[in-house]
Amino acid sequence: MIEQQVDQNLTDSAERYVLGAAMVDADALPTLRIILGERDSVFFAEKHRLIYAALRRLADLNIPADIFTLTRE
């Protein structure tokens, strides 16, 4: 049980770091799309799946992703 909780915490942190990199560095998202593809299912947390999908939609519309455009998306 404790091991599962630690793994879950590490996964959540890793997902947040990946999404944060995509918001901070405009060059990160194209690289992430190559590595992760278009599948939201690579993220365990539903909220992270939604954020990744929104980041991709914004990129497809050539809208820079930041906290403001992302929350409106």
PDB file of N, CA and C in Angstrom:
ATOM      1  N   MET A   1       0.822  -1.199   0.000  1.00  0.00           N
ATOM      2  CA  MET A   1       0.000   0.000   0.000  1.00  0.00           C
ATOM      3  C   MET A   1       0.863   1.259   0.000  1.00  0.00           C
ATOM      4  N   ILE A   2       1.869   1.311   0.841  1.00  0.00           N
ATOM      5  CA  ILE A   2       2.740   2.486   0.899  1.00  0.00           C
ATOM      6  C   ILE A   2       3.502   2.628  -0.411  1.00  0.00           C
ATOM      7  N   GLU A   3       3.966   1.507  -0.960  1.00  0.00           N
ATOM      8  CA  GLU A   3       4.694   1.539  -2.221  1.00  0.00           C
ATOM      9  C   GLU A   3       3.822   2.081  -3.351  1.00  0.00           C
ATOM     10  N   GLN A   4       2.566   1.694  -3.384  1.00  0.00           N
ATOM     11  CA  GLN A   4       1.637   2.183  -4.404  1.00  0.00           C
ATOM     12  C   GLN A   4       1.431   3.687  -4.251  1.00  0.00           C
ATOM     13  N   GLN A   5       1.330   4.172  -3.021  1.00  0.00           N
ATOM     14  CA  GLN A   5       1.145   5.603  -2.775  1.00  0.00           C
ATOM     15  C   GLN A   5       2.363   6.391  -3.242  1.00  0.00           C
ATOM     16  N   VAL A   6       3.557   5.874  -2.985  1.00  0.00           N
ATOM     17  CA  VAL A   6       4.786   6.546  -3.415  1.00  0.00           C
ATOM     18  C   VAL A   6       4.830   6.606  -4.937  1.00  0.00           C
ATOM     19  N   ASP A   7       4.519   5.478  -5.597  1.00  0.00           N
ATOM     20  CA  ASP A   7       4.506   5.459  -7.055  1.00  0.00           C
ATOM     21  C   ASP A   7       3.499   6.458  -7.607  1.00  0.00           C
ATOM     22  N   GLN A   8       2.353   6.553  -6.987  1.00  0.00           N
ATOM     23  CA  GLN A   8       1.317   7.488  -7.430  1.00  0.00           C
ATOM     24  C   GLN A   8       1.802   8.928  -7.275  1.00  0.00           C
ATOM     25  N   ASN A   9       2.465   9.225  -6.178  1.00  0.00           N
ATOM     26  CA  ASN A   9       2.989  10.574  -5.954  1.00  0.00           C
ATOM     27  C   ASN A   9       4.070  10.910  -6.975  1.00  0.00           C
ATOM     28  N   LEU A  10       4.936   9.952  -7.260  1.00  0.00           N
ATOM     29  CA  LEU A  10       5.994  10.190  -8.241  1.00  0.00           C
ATOM     30  C   LEU A  10       5.415  10.393  -9.637  1.00  0.00           C
ATOM     31  N   THR A  11       4.420   9.606  -9.968  1.00  0.00           N
ATOM     32  CA  THR A  11       3.772   9.738 -11.269  1.00  0.00           C
ATOM     33  C   THR A  11       3.120  11.104 -11.413  1.00  0.00           C
ATOM     34  N   ASP A  12       2.415  11.531 -10.380  1.00  0.00           N
ATOM     35  CA  ASP A  12       1.756  12.838 -10.411  1.00  0.00           C
ATOM     36  C   ASP A  12       2.786  13.947 -10.583  1.00  0.00           C
ATOM     37  N   SER A  13       3.880  13.873  -9.855  1.00  0.00           N
ATOM     38  CA  SER A  13       4.927  14.889  -9.969  1.00  0.00           C
ATOM     39  C   SER A  13       5.531  14.893 -11.371  1.00  0.00           C
ATOM     40  N   ALA A  14       5.809  13.724 -11.901  1.00  0.00           N
ATOM     41  CA  ALA A  14       6.401  13.636 -13.232  1.00  0.00           C
ATOM     42  C   ALA A  14       5.461  14.226 -14.284  1.00  0.00           C
ATOM     43  N   GLU A  15       4.188  13.922 -14.176  1.00  0.00           N
ATOM     44  CA  GLU A  15       3.221  14.461 -15.125  1.00  0.00           C
ATOM     45  C   GLU A  15       3.157  15.983 -15.034  1.00  0.00           C
ATOM     46  N   ARG A  16       3.192  16.509 -13.813  1.00  0.00           N
ATOM     47  CA  ARG A  16       3.153  17.969 -13.646  1.00  0.00           C
ATOM     48  C   ARG A  16       4.392  18.613 -14.244  1.00  0.00           C
ATOM     49  N   TYR A  17       5.552  17.993 -14.071  1.00  0.00           N
ATOM     50  CA  TYR A  17       6.786  18.541 -14.645  1.00  0.00           C
ATOM     51  C   TYR A  17       6.733  18.553 -16.167  1.00  0.00           C
ATOM     52  N   VAL A  18       6.231  17.490 -16.756  1.00  0.00           N
ATOM     53  CA  VAL A  18       6.130  17.406 -18.218  1.00  0.00           C
ATOM     54  C   VAL A  18       5.197  18.490 -18.749  1.00  0.00           C
ATOM     55  N   LEU A  19       4.038  18.630 -18.134  1.00  0.00           N
ATOM     56  CA  LEU A  19       3.086  19.649 -18.586  1.00  0.00           C
ATOM     57  C   LEU A  19       3.617  21.057 -18.331  1.00  0.00           C
ATOM     58  N   GLY A  20       4.287  21.247 -17.215  1.00  0.00           N
ATOM     59  CA  GLY A  20       4.884  22.550 -16.912  1.00  0.00           C
ATOM     60  C   GLY A  20       5.928  22.940 -17.945  1.00  0.00           C
ATOM     61  N   ALA A  21       6.734  21.975 -18.366  1.00  0.00           N
ATOM     62  CA  ALA A  21       7.749  22.244 -19.389  1.00  0.00           C
ATOM     63  C   ALA A  21       7.095  22.691 -20.689  1.00  0.00           C
ATOM     64  N   ALA A  22       5.966  22.089 -21.022  1.00  0.00           N
ATOM     65  CA  ALA A  22       5.261  22.457 -22.249  1.00  0.00           C
ATOM     66  C   ALA A  22       4.713  23.870 -22.172  1.00  0.00           C
ATOM     67  N   MET A  23       4.393  24.330 -20.985  1.00  0.00           N
ATOM     68  CA  MET A  23       3.860  25.690 -20.843  1.00  0.00           C
ATOM     69  C   MET A  23       4.976  26.730 -20.764  1.00  0.00           C
ATOM     70  N   VAL A  24       6.124  26.356 -20.236  1.00  0.00           N
ATOM     71  CA  VAL A  24       7.225  27.303 -20.060  1.00  0.00           C
ATOM     72  C   VAL A  24       8.058  27.449 -21.329  1.00  0.00           C
ATOM     73  N   ASP A  25       8.241  26.354 -22.036  1.00  0.00           N
ATOM     74  CA  ASP A  25       9.116  26.341 -23.211  1.00  0.00           C
ATOM     75  C   ASP A  25       8.296  25.988 -24.447  1.00  0.00           C
ATOM     76  N   ALA A  26       8.171  26.934 -25.355  1.00  0.00           N
ATOM     77  CA  ALA A  26       7.356  26.721 -26.553  1.00  0.00           C
ATOM     78  C   ALA A  26       7.880  25.581 -27.416  1.00  0.00           C
ATOM     79  N   ASP A  27       9.169  25.278 -27.328  1.00  0.00           N
ATOM     80  CA  ASP A  27       9.741  24.193 -28.124  1.00  0.00           C
ATOM     81  C   ASP A  27       9.500  22.821 -27.512  1.00  0.00           C
ATOM     82  N   ALA A  28       9.039  22.772 -26.288  1.00  0.00           N
ATOM     83  CA  ALA A  28       8.857  21.489 -25.605  1.00  0.00           C
ATOM     84  C   ALA A  28       7.650  20.716 -26.138  1.00  0.00           C
ATOM     85  N   LEU A  29       6.557  21.394 -26.434  1.00  0.00           N
ATOM     86  CA  LEU A  29       5.345  20.689 -26.845  1.00  0.00           C
ATOM     87  C   LEU A  29       5.526  19.897 -28.144  1.00  0.00           C
ATOM     88  N   PRO A  30       6.138  20.455 -29.180  1.00  0.00           N
ATOM     89  CA  PRO A  30       6.342  19.626 -30.377  1.00  0.00           C
ATOM     90  C   PRO A  30       7.158  18.363 -30.084  1.00  0.00           C
ATOM     91  N   THR A  31       8.143  18.485 -29.227  1.00  0.00           N
ATOM     92  CA  THR A  31       8.941  17.317 -28.849  1.00  0.00           C
ATOM     93  C   THR A  31       8.095  16.318 -28.065  1.00  0.00           C
ATOM     94  N   LEU A  32       7.289  16.827 -27.152  1.00  0.00           N
ATOM     95  CA  LEU A  32       6.402  15.947 -26.394  1.00  0.00           C
ATOM     96  C   LEU A  32       5.420  15.226 -27.308  1.00  0.00           C
ATOM     97  N   ARG A  33       4.934  15.929 -28.299  1.00  0.00           N
ATOM     98  CA  ARG A  33       3.977  15.301 -29.229  1.00  0.00           C
ATOM     99  C   ARG A  33       4.634  14.168 -30.009  1.00  0.00           C
ATOM    100  N   ILE A  34       5.899  14.308 -30.307  1.00  0.00           N
ATOM    101  CA  ILE A  34       6.629  13.233 -30.982  1.00  0.00           C
ATOM    102  C   ILE A  34       6.789  12.040 -30.040  1.00  0.00           C
ATOM    103  N   ILE A  35       7.171  12.323 -28.806  1.00  0.00           N
ATOM    104  CA  ILE A  35       7.425  11.248 -27.839  1.00  0.00           C
ATOM    105  C   ILE A  35       6.131  10.606 -27.352  1.00  0.00           C
ATOM    106  N   LEU A  36       5.170  11.439 -26.957  1.00  0.00           N
ATOM    107  CA  LEU A  36       3.933  10.920 -26.361  1.00  0.00           C
ATOM    108  C   LEU A  36       2.841  10.653 -27.378  1.00  0.00           C
ATOM    109  N   GLY A  37       2.931  11.297 -28.511  1.00  0.00           N
ATOM    110  CA  GLY A  37       1.894  11.148 -29.520  1.00  0.00           C
ATOM    111  C   GLY A  37       0.676  11.986 -29.173  1.00  0.00           C
ATOM    112  N   GLU A  38      -0.418  11.631 -29.760  1.00  0.00           N
ATOM    113  CA  GLU A  38      -1.661  12.380 -29.580  1.00  0.00           C
ATOM    114  C   GLU A  38      -2.564  11.731 -28.534  1.00  0.00           C
ATOM    115  N   ARG A  39      -2.047  10.743 -27.859  1.00  0.00           N
ATOM    116  CA  ARG A  39      -2.849   9.995 -26.883  1.00  0.00           C
ATOM    117  C   ARG A  39      -2.827  10.679 -25.519  1.00  0.00           C
ATOM    118  N   ASP A  40      -3.991  11.047 -25.048  1.00  0.00           N
ATOM    119  CA  ASP A  40      -4.090  11.606 -23.700  1.00  0.00           C
ATOM    120  C   ASP A  40      -3.885  10.518 -22.648  1.00  0.00           C
ATOM    121  N   SER A  41      -4.066   9.276 -23.052  1.00  0.00           N
ATOM    122  CA  SER A  41      -4.020   8.161 -22.101  1.00  0.00           C
ATOM    123  C   SER A  41      -2.635   7.921 -21.516  1.00  0.00           C
ATOM    124  N   VAL A  42      -1.613   8.606 -22.021  1.00  0.00           N
ATOM    125  CA  VAL A  42      -0.281   8.438 -21.437  1.00  0.00           C
ATOM    126  C   VAL A  42      -0.212   9.060 -20.044  1.00  0.00           C
ATOM    127  N   PHE A  43      -1.171   9.915 -19.721  1.00  0.00           N
ATOM    128  CA  PHE A  43      -1.236  10.517 -18.391  1.00  0.00           C
ATOM    129  C   PHE A  43      -2.218   9.736 -17.531  1.00  0.00           C
ATOM    130  N   PHE A  44      -1.837   9.481 -16.296  1.00  0.00           N
ATOM    131  CA  PHE A  44      -2.702   8.738 -15.386  1.00  0.00           C
ATOM    132  C   PHE A  44      -3.818   9.617 -14.828  1.00  0.00           C
ATOM    133  N   ALA A  45      -3.490  10.852 -14.486  1.00  0.00           N
ATOM    134  CA  ALA A  45      -4.467  11.755 -13.873  1.00  0.00           C
ATOM    135  C   ALA A  45      -5.359  12.371 -14.955  1.00  0.00           C
ATOM    136  N   GLU A  46      -6.651  12.302 -14.740  1.00  0.00           N
ATOM    137  CA  GLU A  46      -7.609  12.859 -15.695  1.00  0.00           C
ATOM    138  C   GLU A  46      -7.351  14.343 -15.931  1.00  0.00           C
ATOM    139  N   LYS A  47      -7.031  15.081 -14.872  1.00  0.00           N
ATOM    140  CA  LYS A  47      -6.774  16.512 -15.035  1.00  0.00           C
ATOM    141  C   LYS A  47      -5.577  16.757 -15.946  1.00  0.00           C
ATOM    142  N   HIS A  48      -4.591  15.879 -15.897  1.00  0.00           N
ATOM    143  CA  HIS A  48      -3.428  16.033 -16.761  1.00  0.00           C
ATOM    144  C   HIS A  48      -3.764  15.665 -18.207  1.00  0.00           C
ATOM    145  N   ARG A  49      -4.645  14.710 -18.395  1.00  0.00           N
ATOM    146  CA  ARG A  49      -5.104  14.374 -19.756  1.00  0.00           C
ATOM    147  C   ARG A  49      -5.792  15.580 -20.392  1.00  0.00           C
ATOM    148  N   LEU A  50      -6.630  16.249 -19.597  1.00  0.00           N
ATOM    149  CA  LEU A  50      -7.349  17.428 -20.094  1.00  0.00           C
ATOM    150  C   LEU A  50      -6.390  18.555 -20.445  1.00  0.00           C
ATOM    151  N   ILE A  51      -5.396  18.757 -19.611  1.00  0.00           N
ATOM    152  CA  ILE A  51      -4.410  19.821 -19.858  1.00  0.00           C
ATOM    153  C   ILE A  51      -3.613  19.516 -21.122  1.00  0.00           C
ATOM    154  N   TYR A  52      -3.173  18.263 -21.276  1.00  0.00           N
ATOM    155  CA  TYR A  52      -2.401  17.887 -22.465  1.00  0.00           C
ATOM    156  C   TYR A  52      -3.247  18.089 -23.730  1.00  0.00           C
ATOM    157  N   ALA A  53      -4.494  17.699 -23.688  1.00  0.00           N
ATOM    158  CA  ALA A  53      -5.385  17.891 -24.839  1.00  0.00           C
ATOM    159  C   ALA A  53      -5.554  19.377 -25.144  1.00  0.00           C
ATOM    160  N   ALA A  54      -5.711  20.195 -24.111  1.00  0.00           N
ATOM    161  CA  ALA A  54      -5.865  21.642 -24.312  1.00  0.00           C
ATOM    162  C   ALA A  54      -4.586  22.249 -24.885  1.00  0.00           C
ATOM    163  N   LEU A  55      -3.434  21.809 -24.403  1.00  0.00           N
ATOM    164  CA  LEU A  55      -2.159  22.304 -24.936  1.00  0.00           C
ATOM    165  C   LEU A  55      -2.030  21.976 -26.424  1.00  0.00           C
ATOM    166  N   ARG A  56      -2.431  20.782 -26.799  1.00  0.00           N
ATOM    167  CA  ARG A  56      -2.372  20.394 -28.207  1.00  0.00           C
ATOM    168  C   ARG A  56      -3.329  21.229 -29.055  1.00  0.00           C
ATOM    169  N   ARG A  57      -4.546  21.461 -28.548  1.00  0.00           N
ATOM    170  CA  ARG A  57      -5.518  22.279 -29.294  1.00  0.00           C
ATOM    171  C   ARG A  57      -4.995  23.695 -29.499  1.00  0.00           C
ATOM    172  N   LEU A  58      -4.445  24.276 -28.446  1.00  0.00           N
ATOM    173  CA  LEU A  58      -3.897  25.631 -28.557  1.00  0.00           C
ATOM    174  C   LEU A  58      -2.766  25.669 -29.583  1.00  0.00           C
ATOM    175  N   ALA A  59      -1.899  24.678 -29.535  1.00  0.00           N
ATOM    176  CA  ALA A  59      -0.778  24.627 -30.486  1.00  0.00           C
ATOM    177  C   ALA A  59      -1.292  24.509 -31.917  1.00  0.00           C
ATOM    178  N   ASP A  60      -2.324  23.705 -32.121  1.00  0.00           N
ATOM    179  CA  ASP A  60      -2.900  23.542 -33.461  1.00  0.00           C
ATOM    180  C   ASP A  60      -3.487  24.848 -33.988  1.00  0.00           C
ATOM    181  N   LEU A  61      -3.924  25.705 -33.071  1.00  0.00           N
ATOM    182  CA  LEU A  61      -4.479  27.014 -33.445  1.00  0.00           C
ATOM    183  C   LEU A  61      -3.418  28.117 -33.443  1.00  0.00           C
ATOM    184  N   ASN A  62      -2.175  27.728 -33.201  1.00  0.00           N
ATOM    185  CA  ASN A  62      -1.051  28.684 -33.110  1.00  0.00           C
ATOM    186  C   ASN A  62      -1.267  29.731 -32.029  1.00  0.00           C
ATOM    187  N   ILE A  63      -1.877  29.316 -30.930  1.00  0.00           N
ATOM    188  CA  ILE A  63      -2.076  30.188 -29.775  1.00  0.00           C
ATOM    189  C   ILE A  63      -1.069  29.783 -28.709  1.00  0.00           C
ATOM    190  N   PRO A  64      -0.253  30.732 -28.249  1.00  0.00           N
ATOM    191  CA  PRO A  64       0.724  30.382 -27.214  1.00  0.00           C
ATOM    192  C   PRO A  64       0.020  29.871 -25.944  1.00  0.00           C
ATOM    193  N   ALA A  65       0.562  28.839 -25.380  1.00  0.00           N
ATOM    194  CA  ALA A  65      -0.017  28.272 -24.157  1.00  0.00           C
ATOM    195  C   ALA A  65       0.575  28.964 -22.944  1.00  0.00           C
ATOM    196  N   ASP A  66      -0.278  29.552 -22.161  1.00  0.00           N
ATOM    197  CA  ASP A  66       0.108  30.090 -20.859  1.00  0.00           C
ATOM    198  C   ASP A  66      -1.051  29.851 -19.922  1.00  0.00           C
ATOM    199  N   ILE A  67      -0.913  30.258 -18.711  1.00  0.00           N
ATOM    200  CA  ILE A  67      -1.949  29.972 -17.714  1.00  0.00           C
ATOM    201  C   ILE A  67      -3.294  30.586 -18.097  1.00  0.00           C
ATOM    202  N   PHE A  68      -3.272  31.721 -18.776  1.00  0.00           N
ATOM    203  CA  PHE A  68      -4.506  32.400 -19.143  1.00  0.00           C
ATOM    204  C   PHE A  68      -5.217  31.720 -20.320  1.00  0.00           C
ATOM    205  N   THR A  69      -4.440  31.447 -21.389  1.00  0.00           N
ATOM    206  CA  THR A  69      -5.070  30.797 -22.540  1.00  0.00           C
ATOM    207  C   THR A  69      -5.471  29.362 -22.207  1.00  0.00           C
ATOM    208  N   LEU A  70      -4.710  28.722 -21.352  1.00  0.00           N
ATOM    209  CA  LEU A  70      -5.017  27.340 -20.993  1.00  0.00           C
ATOM    210  C   LEU A  70      -6.289  27.254 -20.160  1.00  0.00           C
ATOM    211  N   THR A  71      -6.465  28.157 -19.234  1.00  0.00           N
ATOM    212  CA  THR A  71      -7.686  28.103 -18.405  1.00  0.00           C
ATOM    213  C   THR A  71      -8.922  28.473 -19.203  1.00  0.00           C
ATOM    214  N   ARG A  72      -8.764  29.290 -20.243  1.00  0.00           N
ATOM    215  CA  ARG A  72      -9.902  29.622 -21.093  1.00  0.00           C
ATOM    216  C   ARG A  72     -10.259  28.476 -22.024  1.00  0.00           C
ATOM    217  N   GLU A  73      -9.274  27.663 -22.342  1.00  0.00           N
ATOM    218  CA  GLU A  73      -9.482  26.538 -23.248  1.00  0.00           C
ATOM    219  C   GLU A  73     -10.311  25.483 -22.537  1.00  0.00           C
TER     220      GLU A  73
END
